[in-house]
Amino acid sequence: MNFIINREALLTPLQQIVSVIEKRQTMPILSNVLLVIEDNRLILTGTDLEIQIVAKIEIGTATSGAITVPARKFLDICRLLPSGAEIKFEQEDDKVKILSNRSRFSLSCLPADNYPEFAESEFEHQFFINAGKFKRALEKTTFCMANQDVRYYLNGLLLHISNSKLKLVASDGHRLSIYEDQLDQATGYEARIILPRKGVLELVRLLDDPDAELRVEFSGNNIRIFIKNLVFSAKLVDSKYPDFSKVFQQSFFNQIHIQKQSLKEALTRVAILSNEKFKGVTLDIVPDSLRISTHNPEHDEAEEELFIEYTGEPLSIAFNAQYLLDAVSNLDSELAVLTIASNASTCFIDEPNDTSYKFIVMPMRL
């Protein structure tokens, strides 16, 4: 296979693909990127067998063929060539030559026949969604996903489609975020799938054009998303997401309204002297006043008092300061609304006029 391509046309898709390729591989060929030329198109494929990204680039005249090249070396060569450079690619048996102006590189390759096939089942469902809308939904929830939890369904994100409603849920067992939105077209079905953590993080990165239209296809085992000239595929987490609806079915104290920026700043300052491991802060709430305090094993103490809008009985509750900060930082409004369950088991954090995004955090014992 031989072809000539402009550096800029190749670099972005190559960067997007290389990010899914793990540095340490059990199979050497998985460290490579698959290059296929057919119908004057260059098709690049990278996978770790759980996630796969395929990019298609239109090129001029080329000799068809297929080969796999070391992904990171190939990317570094392309990245370090001058802007606008023409790259000439020539295959000779199990080596490829990469030529550009006065630069010459020769890479050892592995045959394309040995490249593993990404197993995908028949896709039963599909829907369309704007990339900007989907990225916003992901960004509002991904930070709550667990990382290497034994309850592996928490190491991912629940995607729930109910006709024209879209709901995303993520939790690590200590906190939970829920984001709801409407799809432009009714789907006519109801389905729940769990996207794997790594796949979700890759998706957030790939959705760089907010105006793009995405086609999402999925089955019980796989998801495939068409993003302009890219095709993103991932194996789904084979599990059932726990039912979290009971958390809404309880009685609550009156709502607490507080300026978001003031709360963020106060939490950040007080957390400096919290226990480094648990990051615990205590909230003492009385009508119109919130006191945030903490102490640590070195006997350091911090305390801040804020004005709030609250009418109700006094209460005291402790939280992980970082969890509260993550939630408050994801609110778009100037005002944060805190609603604490009357048995002090949970605290809801949301916006006064927008119910599409909710964050729930469990308290701590200090």
Protein backbone atom coordinates (compact mmCIF):
# COMPACT_ATOMS: atom_id res chain seq x y z
CA MET A 1 0.00 0.00 0.00
CA ASN A 2 1.22 3.49 -0.92
CA PHE A 3 -0.40 6.87 -0.34
CA ILE A 4 0.35 10.58 0.16
CA ILE A 5 -1.50 12.60 2.80
CA ASN A 6 -1.28 16.04 4.36
CA ARG A 7 -0.04 16.05 7.98
CA GLU A 8 -3.09 17.99 9.26
CA ALA A 9 -5.59 15.56 7.69
CA LEU A 10 -3.88 12.63 9.44
CA LEU A 11 -2.86 14.09 12.81
CA THR A 12 -6.24 14.75 14.52
CA PRO A 13 -7.83 11.33 13.72
CA LEU A 14 -4.58 9.61 14.70
CA GLN A 15 -4.49 11.42 18.07
CA GLN A 16 -8.12 10.45 18.72
CA ILE A 17 -7.40 6.80 17.97
CA VAL A 18 -4.11 6.46 19.87
CA SER A 19 -5.76 7.58 23.14
CA VAL A 20 -7.75 4.30 23.36
CA ILE A 21 -4.65 2.16 22.82
CA GLU A 22 -3.22 1.03 26.16
CA LYS A 23 0.53 1.49 26.64
CA ARG A 24 0.94 -1.99 28.16
CA GLN A 25 -0.62 -4.72 26.07
CA THR A 26 -0.87 -8.49 26.46
CA MET A 27 -0.98 -8.74 22.63
CA PRO A 28 1.79 -6.73 20.87
CA ILE A 29 -0.47 -6.03 17.88
CA LEU A 30 -2.87 -4.05 20.11
CA SER A 31 -0.11 -1.42 20.45
CA ASN A 32 -0.47 -0.86 16.72
CA VAL A 33 -2.96 1.08 14.65
CA LEU A 34 -4.54 -0.69 11.67
CA LEU A 35 -4.25 1.17 8.35
CA VAL A 36 -6.46 0.08 5.45
CA ILE A 37 -6.71 1.72 2.03
CA GLU A 38 -9.85 1.01 0.03
CA ASP A 39 -11.80 3.13 -2.49
CA ASN A 40 -9.33 6.02 -2.10
CA ARG A 41 -10.09 6.20 1.62
CA LEU A 42 -7.66 5.67 4.47
CA ILE A 43 -9.32 3.83 7.37
CA LEU A 44 -7.51 3.97 10.73
CA THR A 45 -8.52 1.61 13.57
CA GLY A 46 -7.37 1.45 17.19
CA THR A 47 -8.74 -0.79 19.94
CA ASP A 48 -8.07 -2.27 23.39
CA LEU A 49 -10.80 -4.93 22.71
CA GLU A 50 -13.21 -3.06 25.03
CA ILE A 51 -13.32 0.20 23.06
CA GLN A 52 -12.62 0.82 19.38
CA ILE A 53 -12.31 4.00 17.32
CA VAL A 54 -12.35 3.96 13.51
CA ALA A 55 -11.53 7.09 11.48
CA LYS A 56 -12.10 7.47 7.73
CA ILE A 57 -10.07 9.99 5.72
CA GLU A 58 -10.61 10.75 2.02
CA ILE A 59 -7.31 10.73 0.12
CA GLY A 60 -6.33 11.02 -3.57
CA THR A 61 -4.86 8.22 -5.61
CA ALA A 62 -3.48 5.40 -3.51
CA THR A 63 -2.55 1.74 -3.79
CA SER A 64 -4.92 -0.39 -1.71
CA GLY A 65 -3.67 -2.65 1.07
CA ALA A 66 -3.61 -3.10 4.85
CA ILE A 67 -0.91 -3.04 7.54
CA THR A 68 -0.57 -2.28 11.25
CA VAL A 69 2.04 0.25 12.45
CA PRO A 70 3.26 1.08 15.99
CA ALA A 71 0.67 3.63 17.11
CA ARG A 72 2.66 5.93 19.36
CA LYS A 73 5.79 6.02 17.17
CA PHE A 74 3.62 6.80 14.12
CA LEU A 75 1.81 9.56 16.03
CA ASP A 76 5.06 11.10 17.33
CA ILE A 77 6.55 11.18 13.82
CA CYS A 78 3.45 12.91 12.39
CA ARG A 79 3.20 15.29 15.33
CA LEU A 80 6.83 16.44 15.08
CA LEU A 81 6.83 17.01 11.32
CA PRO A 82 6.39 20.66 10.27
CA SER A 83 2.90 22.11 9.84
CA GLY A 84 1.35 21.49 6.44
CA ALA A 85 3.93 18.82 5.51
CA GLU A 86 3.09 16.20 2.87
CA ILE A 87 3.61 12.65 4.20
CA LYS A 88 4.42 9.85 1.79
CA PHE A 89 3.70 6.34 3.07
CA GLU A 90 5.23 3.30 1.36
CA GLN A 91 4.89 -0.34 2.41
CA GLU A 92 7.71 -2.81 1.76
CA ASP A 93 6.97 -6.31 3.10
CA ASP A 94 6.86 -6.03 6.93
CA LYS A 95 8.23 -2.48 7.02
CA VAL A 96 6.78 0.92 6.10
CA LYS A 97 8.69 3.98 4.99
CA ILE A 98 7.42 7.39 6.01
CA LEU A 99 8.90 10.18 3.87
CA SER A 100 8.38 13.91 4.26
CA ASN A 101 10.59 16.54 2.67
CA ARG A 102 14.09 15.55 3.92
CA SER A 103 12.87 13.27 6.71
CA ARG A 104 13.02 9.48 6.34
CA PHE A 105 11.60 6.95 8.77
CA SER A 106 11.35 3.17 8.58
CA LEU A 107 9.00 1.33 10.96
CA SER A 108 8.72 -2.40 11.62
CA CYS A 109 5.10 -3.53 11.25
CA LEU A 110 2.82 -6.47 11.92
CA PRO A 111 0.47 -8.00 9.31
CA ALA A 112 -3.11 -6.72 9.23
CA ASP A 113 -4.47 -10.30 9.11
CA ASN A 114 -3.47 -10.75 12.77
CA TYR A 115 -5.36 -7.65 13.93
CA PRO A 116 -8.18 -8.80 16.25
CA GLU A 117 -11.75 -8.23 15.15
CA PHE A 118 -13.94 -6.17 17.47
CA ALA A 119 -16.90 -8.42 18.29
CA GLU A 120 -20.25 -6.65 17.91
CA SER A 121 -23.76 -8.06 18.17
CA GLU A 122 -26.74 -6.98 16.09
CA PHE A 123 -27.77 -3.40 17.00
CA GLU A 124 -31.43 -3.33 18.01
CA HIS A 125 -31.96 0.34 18.89
CA GLN A 126 -30.87 3.70 17.62
CA PHE A 127 -31.45 7.39 18.29
CA PHE A 128 -30.08 10.75 17.13
CA ILE A 129 -28.76 13.47 19.41
CA ASN A 130 -26.88 16.74 19.08
CA ALA A 131 -23.21 16.38 20.16
CA GLY A 132 -23.29 19.53 22.31
CA LYS A 133 -26.36 18.30 24.19
CA PHE A 134 -24.85 14.83 24.74
CA LYS A 135 -21.50 16.23 25.89
CA ARG A 136 -23.24 18.51 28.41
CA ALA A 137 -25.15 15.51 29.80
CA LEU A 138 -21.92 13.51 30.11
CA GLU A 139 -19.99 16.34 31.76
CA LYS A 140 -22.73 16.84 34.36
CA THR A 141 -22.50 13.19 35.46
CA THR A 142 -19.13 11.56 34.65
CA PHE A 143 -17.30 12.90 37.73
CA CYS A 144 -19.53 10.72 39.95
CA MET A 145 -18.53 7.41 38.31
CA ALA A 146 -16.65 4.97 40.53
CA ASN A 147 -13.12 3.90 39.64
CA GLN A 148 -12.25 0.20 40.06
CA ASP A 149 -15.12 -0.46 42.47
CA VAL A 150 -15.90 -4.14 43.14
CA ARG A 151 -19.51 -3.29 42.26
CA TYR A 152 -18.50 -3.05 38.62
CA TYR A 153 -21.85 -1.57 37.51
CA LEU A 154 -20.75 1.61 39.33
CA ASN A 155 -17.60 1.85 37.14
CA GLY A 156 -19.72 3.25 34.36
CA LEU A 157 -22.66 5.44 33.44
CA LEU A 158 -26.32 4.49 33.13
CA LEU A 159 -27.95 5.63 29.89
CA HIS A 160 -31.73 5.36 30.11
CA ILE A 161 -33.85 6.05 27.02
CA SER A 162 -37.59 6.26 27.54
CA ASN A 163 -39.23 7.18 24.21
CA SER A 164 -38.16 10.84 23.83
CA LYS A 165 -36.59 11.18 27.30
CA LEU A 166 -32.87 10.80 27.93
CA LYS A 167 -31.54 10.19 31.45
CA LEU A 168 -27.90 9.77 32.50
CA VAL A 169 -26.97 8.55 35.99
CA ALA A 170 -23.57 8.05 37.62
CA SER A 171 -22.69 7.07 41.19
CA ASP A 172 -19.74 5.83 43.23
CA GLY A 173 -21.91 4.71 46.15
CA HIS A 174 -21.33 7.91 48.15
CA ARG A 175 -22.85 10.39 45.71
CA LEU A 176 -25.05 10.30 42.65
CA SER A 177 -25.74 12.66 39.75
CA ILE A 178 -28.78 12.57 37.48
CA TYR A 179 -29.16 14.52 34.26
CA GLU A 180 -32.38 14.50 32.22
CA ASP A 181 -33.07 15.92 28.77
CA GLN A 182 -35.45 15.56 25.84
CA LEU A 183 -34.51 13.97 22.50
CA ASP A 184 -35.65 15.78 19.36
CA GLN A 185 -37.26 12.60 17.99
CA ALA A 186 -39.32 10.01 19.84
CA THR A 187 -37.66 6.58 19.81
CA GLY A 188 -40.69 4.43 20.62
CA TYR A 189 -38.79 2.18 23.04
CA GLU A 190 -37.44 2.04 26.58
CA ALA A 191 -33.91 0.78 27.27
CA ARG A 192 -31.21 0.94 29.96
CA ILE A 193 -27.53 0.33 29.25
CA ILE A 194 -24.33 0.92 31.24
CA LEU A 195 -21.44 2.54 29.36
CA PRO A 196 -17.95 1.61 30.68
CA ARG A 197 -15.94 4.29 32.48
CA LYS A 198 -13.09 4.47 29.95
CA GLY A 199 -15.56 4.67 27.06
CA VAL A 200 -17.41 7.57 28.70
CA LEU A 201 -14.18 9.53 29.26
CA GLU A 202 -13.13 8.93 25.63
CA LEU A 203 -16.55 10.07 24.38
CA VAL A 204 -16.36 13.37 26.29
CA ARG A 205 -13.02 13.99 24.56
CA LEU A 206 -14.28 13.06 21.08
CA LEU A 207 -17.35 15.32 21.17
CA ASP A 208 -15.42 18.47 20.26
CA ASP A 209 -17.94 19.91 17.77
CA PRO A 210 -21.14 20.98 19.59
CA ASP A 211 -23.07 21.29 16.28
CA ALA A 212 -22.42 17.74 15.06
CA GLU A 213 -25.33 15.30 14.83
CA LEU A 214 -24.67 11.89 16.39
CA ARG A 215 -26.21 8.58 15.43
CA VAL A 216 -26.20 6.23 18.41
CA GLU A 217 -26.85 2.50 17.92
CA PHE A 218 -26.85 -0.05 20.71
CA SER A 219 -27.75 -3.60 21.70
CA GLY A 220 -27.60 -5.41 25.03
CA ASN A 221 -23.81 -5.83 24.65
CA ASN A 222 -22.46 -3.00 22.50
CA ILE A 223 -22.84 0.67 21.65
CA ARG A 224 -21.72 2.36 18.44
CA ILE A 225 -21.71 6.12 17.89
CA PHE A 226 -21.11 7.85 14.55
CA ILE A 227 -19.34 11.20 15.09
CA LYS A 228 -18.69 12.87 11.73
CA ASN A 229 -15.86 10.79 10.16
CA LEU A 230 -15.34 8.71 13.33
CA VAL A 231 -17.05 5.56 14.54
CA PHE A 232 -16.78 4.95 18.31
CA SER A 233 -17.64 1.45 19.60
CA ALA A 234 -17.62 0.06 23.13
CA LYS A 235 -18.64 -3.09 24.98
CA LEU A 236 -21.29 -2.36 27.59
CA VAL A 237 -21.09 -3.30 31.27
CA ASP A 238 -23.03 -6.54 31.64
CA SER A 239 -25.02 -5.74 34.77
CA LYS A 240 -28.15 -4.09 36.11
CA TYR A 241 -27.95 -0.62 37.59
CA PRO A 242 -29.37 -0.38 41.13
CA ASP A 243 -32.78 1.23 41.65
CA PHE A 244 -32.16 4.67 43.14
CA SER A 245 -35.78 5.91 42.99
CA LYS A 246 -36.35 5.23 46.71
CA VAL A 247 -34.10 8.16 47.57
CA PHE A 248 -36.85 10.50 46.30
CA GLN A 249 -39.57 8.80 48.37
CA GLN A 250 -38.85 10.35 51.78
CA SER A 251 -39.60 13.48 53.75
CA PHE A 252 -37.25 16.47 53.69
CA PHE A 253 -36.38 19.56 55.70
CA ASN A 254 -37.20 22.94 54.15
CA GLN A 255 -35.02 23.97 51.23
CA ILE A 256 -31.85 25.98 51.86
CA HIS A 257 -31.07 28.69 49.27
CA ILE A 258 -27.48 29.89 49.17
CA GLN A 259 -25.25 31.90 46.83
CA LYS A 260 -23.26 29.35 44.80
CA GLN A 261 -20.02 31.35 44.61
CA SER A 262 -20.00 32.16 48.34
CA LEU A 263 -20.53 28.48 49.19
CA LYS A 264 -17.75 27.36 46.79
CA GLU A 265 -15.24 29.83 48.22
CA ALA A 266 -16.11 29.05 51.85
CA LEU A 267 -15.90 25.28 51.29
CA THR A 268 -12.54 25.64 49.51
CA ARG A 269 -11.07 27.68 52.37
CA VAL A 270 -12.41 25.51 55.19
CA ALA A 271 -11.34 22.28 53.44
CA ILE A 272 -7.67 23.37 53.72
CA LEU A 273 -7.69 22.33 57.38
CA SER A 274 -9.91 19.25 57.03
CA ASN A 275 -8.62 15.71 57.53
CA GLU A 276 -6.58 14.99 54.38
CA LYS A 277 -8.03 11.50 53.98
CA PHE A 278 -11.74 12.13 54.60
CA LYS A 279 -12.09 15.84 53.71
CA GLY A 280 -14.97 16.10 56.20
CA VAL A 281 -16.70 19.41 56.99
CA THR A 282 -19.65 20.01 59.34
CA LEU A 283 -22.62 22.15 58.30
CA ASP A 284 -24.55 23.72 61.18
CA ILE A 285 -27.76 25.17 59.79
CA VAL A 286 -30.10 27.56 61.61
CA PRO A 287 -32.61 30.02 60.10
CA ASP A 288 -30.74 32.48 57.83
CA SER A 289 -27.28 31.21 58.78
CA LEU A 290 -24.93 28.37 57.78
CA ARG A 291 -21.73 27.65 59.68
CA ILE A 292 -19.13 25.45 57.93
CA SER A 293 -16.43 24.08 60.25
CA THR A 294 -13.71 21.44 60.33
CA HIS A 295 -10.75 20.17 62.34
CA ASN A 296 -7.95 17.66 61.78
CA PRO A 297 -5.71 15.30 63.79
CA GLU A 298 -3.14 18.13 64.16
CA HIS A 299 -5.82 20.10 66.09
CA ASP A 300 -6.11 22.79 63.39
CA GLU A 301 -9.58 24.31 63.07
CA ALA A 302 -11.43 26.37 60.47
CA GLU A 303 -14.86 27.98 60.48
CA GLU A 304 -16.89 30.16 58.11
CA GLU A 305 -20.37 31.62 58.44
CA LEU A 306 -22.63 32.34 55.48
CA PHE A 307 -26.01 34.00 55.05
CA ILE A 308 -28.68 31.62 53.68
CA GLU A 309 -32.40 31.64 53.01
CA TYR A 310 -33.79 28.99 55.34
CA THR A 311 -36.76 28.75 57.66
CA GLY A 312 -37.00 25.61 59.69
CA GLU A 313 -35.55 23.74 62.61
CA PRO A 314 -31.78 23.83 63.26
CA LEU A 315 -29.80 20.85 61.98
CA SER A 316 -26.20 19.69 61.87
CA ILE A 317 -24.75 17.37 59.21
CA ALA A 318 -21.26 16.50 57.88
CA PHE A 319 -20.11 15.92 54.29
CA ASN A 320 -17.02 15.29 52.21
CA ALA A 321 -16.10 18.85 51.16
CA GLN A 322 -14.85 17.73 47.73
CA TYR A 323 -18.18 16.04 46.94
CA LEU A 324 -20.06 19.24 47.78
CA LEU A 325 -17.62 21.31 45.71
CA ASP A 326 -17.96 18.99 42.68
CA ALA A 327 -21.74 19.31 42.83
CA VAL A 328 -21.87 23.07 43.33
CA SER A 329 -19.29 23.64 40.55
CA ASN A 330 -21.59 21.84 38.10
CA LEU A 331 -24.56 24.12 38.74
CA ASP A 332 -25.23 26.80 36.10
CA SER A 333 -27.35 29.11 38.26
CA GLU A 334 -26.08 31.74 40.73
CA LEU A 335 -28.13 30.13 43.48
CA ALA A 336 -27.69 26.63 44.91
CA VAL A 337 -30.60 24.78 46.54
CA LEU A 338 -29.77 22.23 49.25
CA THR A 339 -32.51 19.89 50.42
CA ILE A 340 -31.64 17.57 53.31
CA ALA A 341 -33.68 14.45 54.08
CA SER A 342 -35.43 14.61 57.47
CA ASN A 343 -33.55 11.49 58.63
CA ALA A 344 -30.27 13.19 57.50
CA SER A 345 -29.50 10.29 55.13
CA THR A 346 -29.05 12.33 51.94
CA CYS A 347 -28.70 15.87 50.65
CA PHE A 348 -30.02 16.97 47.25
CA ILE A 349 -28.21 19.80 45.48
CA ASP A 350 -29.85 21.40 42.46
CA GLU A 351 -30.84 24.68 40.83
CA PRO A 352 -33.92 26.73 41.79
CA ASN A 353 -35.49 26.86 38.29
CA ASP A 354 -34.04 23.85 36.52
CA THR A 355 -34.91 20.29 37.50
CA SER A 356 -32.92 18.61 34.70
CA TYR A 357 -29.81 18.19 36.88
CA LYS A 358 -29.73 16.77 40.40
CA PHE A 359 -26.82 15.83 42.59
CA ILE A 360 -27.24 13.66 45.69
CA VAL A 361 -24.55 13.25 48.34
CA MET A 362 -24.50 11.01 51.40
CA PRO A 363 -23.42 12.52 54.72
CA MET A 364 -20.36 11.46 56.77
CA ARG A 365 -19.94 10.60 60.42
CA LEU A 366 -17.25 12.81 61.93
